[in-house]
């Protein structure tokens, strides 16, 4: 069984946990194409665009085929 060799310091532990407090509301932007909320640096789930380029069909679009 894996056991840590040394105790993790409070500083190192707290630095690791610093991202636990990030809230969803702080990283939300609105898609310039459709206006739906999306995460920063992520593709829009509603319309399927990222940085003005169509990556994949959106959820509301119907794919012909």
N, C-alpha and C. Protein backbone atom coordinates (compact mmCIF):
# COMPACT_ATOMS: atom_id res chain seq x y z
N UNK A 1 0.84 -1.18 0.00
CA UNK A 1 0.00 0.00 0.00
C UNK A 1 0.88 1.25 0.00
N UNK A 2 0.53 2.25 -0.79
CA UNK A 2 1.33 3.46 -0.89
C UNK A 2 1.12 4.33 0.34
N UNK A 3 2.25 4.69 0.95
CA UNK A 3 2.23 5.54 2.14
C UNK A 3 3.21 6.69 1.89
N UNK A 4 2.81 7.95 2.18
CA UNK A 4 3.74 9.05 1.97
C UNK A 4 4.96 8.95 2.88
N UNK A 5 6.12 9.27 2.34
CA UNK A 5 7.36 9.17 3.08
C UNK A 5 7.50 10.30 4.09
N UNK A 6 7.00 11.49 3.72
CA UNK A 6 7.10 12.65 4.60
C UNK A 6 5.76 13.36 4.69
N UNK A 7 5.57 14.07 5.78
CA UNK A 7 4.34 14.82 6.00
C UNK A 7 4.27 16.00 5.03
N UNK A 8 3.11 16.21 4.44
CA UNK A 8 2.90 17.35 3.56
C UNK A 8 2.74 18.60 4.40
N UNK A 9 3.49 19.64 4.06
CA UNK A 9 3.45 20.88 4.84
C UNK A 9 2.11 21.58 4.64
N UNK A 10 1.77 22.47 5.56
CA UNK A 10 0.53 23.23 5.44
C UNK A 10 0.55 24.10 4.19
N UNK A 11 1.69 24.66 3.88
CA UNK A 11 1.81 25.52 2.70
C UNK A 11 1.55 24.72 1.42
N UNK A 12 2.18 23.59 1.28
CA UNK A 12 2.00 22.77 0.07
C UNK A 12 0.57 22.26 -0.03
N UNK A 13 0.00 21.86 1.09
CA UNK A 13 -1.39 21.37 1.11
C UNK A 13 -2.35 22.48 0.69
N UNK A 14 -2.15 23.68 1.24
CA UNK A 14 -3.05 24.78 0.95
C UNK A 14 -2.89 25.29 -0.49
N UNK A 15 -1.67 25.24 -1.01
CA UNK A 15 -1.48 25.63 -2.40
C UNK A 15 -2.21 24.66 -3.33
N UNK A 16 -2.21 23.40 -3.00
CA UNK A 16 -2.92 22.41 -3.80
C UNK A 16 -4.43 22.65 -3.74
N UNK A 17 -4.91 23.06 -2.60
CA UNK A 17 -6.35 23.28 -2.42
C UNK A 17 -6.82 24.65 -2.87
N UNK A 18 -5.94 25.48 -3.37
CA UNK A 18 -6.32 26.84 -3.73
C UNK A 18 -7.37 26.87 -4.83
N UNK A 19 -7.36 25.87 -5.70
CA UNK A 19 -8.31 25.84 -6.80
C UNK A 19 -9.67 25.30 -6.38
N UNK A 20 -9.78 24.78 -5.19
CA UNK A 20 -11.07 24.25 -4.74
C UNK A 20 -12.10 25.34 -4.54
N UNK A 21 -11.63 26.57 -4.29
CA UNK A 21 -12.54 27.66 -3.99
C UNK A 21 -13.01 28.40 -5.24
N UNK A 22 -12.50 28.05 -6.43
CA UNK A 22 -12.92 28.74 -7.65
C UNK A 22 -14.38 28.41 -7.93
N UNK A 23 -15.15 29.43 -8.14
CA UNK A 23 -16.58 29.27 -8.36
C UNK A 23 -16.89 29.21 -9.84
N UNK A 24 -17.95 28.53 -10.19
CA UNK A 24 -18.40 28.42 -11.57
C UNK A 24 -18.75 29.79 -12.13
N UNK A 25 -19.32 30.67 -11.30
CA UNK A 25 -19.77 31.97 -11.78
C UNK A 25 -18.61 32.86 -12.20
N UNK A 26 -17.40 32.61 -11.69
CA UNK A 26 -16.26 33.46 -12.02
C UNK A 26 -15.70 33.15 -13.40
N UNK A 27 -15.93 31.95 -13.91
CA UNK A 27 -15.34 31.56 -15.18
C UNK A 27 -16.38 31.44 -16.29
N UNK A 28 -17.56 32.00 -16.06
CA UNK A 28 -18.62 31.91 -17.06
C UNK A 28 -18.57 33.14 -17.96
N UNK A 29 -18.61 32.90 -19.25
CA UNK A 29 -18.76 33.97 -20.24
C UNK A 29 -19.98 33.63 -21.09
N UNK A 30 -20.39 34.57 -21.90
CA UNK A 30 -21.52 34.33 -22.79
C UNK A 30 -21.02 34.20 -24.21
N UNK A 31 -21.52 33.23 -24.90
CA UNK A 31 -21.10 32.96 -26.27
C UNK A 31 -21.46 34.15 -27.16
N UNK A 32 -20.50 34.68 -27.92
CA UNK A 32 -20.81 35.81 -28.81
C UNK A 32 -21.70 35.41 -29.98
N UNK A 33 -21.77 34.12 -30.28
CA UNK A 33 -22.56 33.65 -31.41
C UNK A 33 -24.03 33.48 -31.03
N UNK A 34 -24.30 32.79 -29.92
CA UNK A 34 -25.69 32.50 -29.56
C UNK A 34 -26.13 33.12 -28.24
N UNK A 35 -25.19 33.60 -27.43
CA UNK A 35 -25.54 34.26 -26.18
C UNK A 35 -25.72 33.34 -25.00
N UNK A 36 -25.51 32.05 -25.18
CA UNK A 36 -25.65 31.08 -24.08
C UNK A 36 -24.43 31.17 -23.15
N UNK A 37 -24.60 30.91 -21.86
CA UNK A 37 -23.44 30.89 -20.96
C UNK A 37 -22.55 29.69 -21.25
N UNK A 38 -21.22 29.91 -21.18
CA UNK A 38 -20.25 28.84 -21.43
C UNK A 38 -19.03 29.10 -20.57
N UNK A 39 -18.22 28.08 -20.37
CA UNK A 39 -16.99 28.23 -19.63
C UNK A 39 -15.93 28.88 -20.52
N UNK A 40 -15.03 29.66 -19.90
CA UNK A 40 -13.94 30.26 -20.65
C UNK A 40 -13.06 29.18 -21.26
N UNK A 41 -12.54 29.45 -22.43
CA UNK A 41 -11.64 28.56 -23.15
C UNK A 41 -12.26 27.20 -23.43
N UNK A 42 -13.58 27.17 -23.54
CA UNK A 42 -14.29 25.94 -23.88
C UNK A 42 -15.21 26.23 -25.06
N UNK A 43 -15.53 25.18 -25.80
CA UNK A 43 -16.46 25.29 -26.89
C UNK A 43 -17.87 25.49 -26.33
N UNK A 44 -18.68 26.24 -27.04
CA UNK A 44 -20.07 26.45 -26.64
C UNK A 44 -20.86 25.17 -26.91
N UNK A 45 -21.52 24.64 -25.91
CA UNK A 45 -22.31 23.41 -26.08
C UNK A 45 -23.56 23.66 -26.92
N UNK A 46 -24.11 24.86 -26.84
CA UNK A 46 -25.37 25.12 -27.53
C UNK A 46 -25.19 25.22 -29.04
N UNK A 47 -24.18 25.98 -29.49
CA UNK A 47 -24.03 26.19 -30.94
C UNK A 47 -22.81 25.50 -31.53
N UNK A 48 -21.88 25.02 -30.70
CA UNK A 48 -20.74 24.27 -31.19
C UNK A 48 -19.62 25.11 -31.76
N UNK A 49 -19.53 26.40 -31.37
CA UNK A 49 -18.47 27.26 -31.88
C UNK A 49 -17.42 27.51 -30.81
N UNK A 50 -16.20 27.80 -31.28
CA UNK A 50 -15.11 28.20 -30.40
C UNK A 50 -14.28 29.25 -31.12
N UNK A 51 -14.15 30.41 -30.55
CA UNK A 51 -13.41 31.54 -31.10
C UNK A 51 -13.85 31.87 -32.53
N UNK A 52 -15.16 31.84 -32.74
CA UNK A 52 -15.72 32.22 -34.03
C UNK A 52 -15.71 31.14 -35.09
N UNK A 53 -15.21 29.96 -34.77
CA UNK A 53 -15.16 28.86 -35.73
C UNK A 53 -16.13 27.76 -35.33
N UNK A 54 -16.80 27.19 -36.31
CA UNK A 54 -17.73 26.10 -36.06
C UNK A 54 -16.92 24.82 -35.86
N UNK A 55 -16.98 24.24 -34.68
CA UNK A 55 -16.22 23.03 -34.36
C UNK A 55 -17.05 21.78 -34.62
N UNK A 56 -18.27 21.79 -34.18
CA UNK A 56 -19.18 20.67 -34.39
C UNK A 56 -20.60 21.20 -34.39
N UNK A 57 -21.56 20.43 -34.87
CA UNK A 57 -22.96 20.89 -34.84
C UNK A 57 -23.42 21.06 -33.39
N UNK A 58 -24.21 22.06 -33.14
CA UNK A 58 -24.73 22.31 -31.81
C UNK A 58 -25.80 21.30 -31.43
N UNK A 59 -26.24 21.39 -30.19
CA UNK A 59 -27.27 20.45 -29.71
C UNK A 59 -28.61 20.68 -30.36
N UNK A 60 -28.89 21.93 -30.73
CA UNK A 60 -30.20 22.24 -31.30
C UNK A 60 -30.23 22.00 -32.81
N UNK A 61 -29.07 21.90 -33.46
CA UNK A 61 -29.04 21.71 -34.91
C UNK A 61 -29.30 20.25 -35.25
N UNK A 62 -29.93 20.00 -36.40
CA UNK A 62 -30.18 18.65 -36.87
C UNK A 62 -29.14 18.30 -37.91
N UNK A 63 -28.51 17.16 -37.75
CA UNK A 63 -27.48 16.73 -38.68
C UNK A 63 -28.14 15.90 -39.79
N UNK A 64 -27.95 16.32 -41.03
CA UNK A 64 -28.52 15.59 -42.18
C UNK A 64 -27.65 14.39 -42.48
N UNK A 65 -28.24 13.28 -42.71
CA UNK A 65 -27.41 12.15 -43.07
C UNK A 65 -28.08 10.89 -42.82
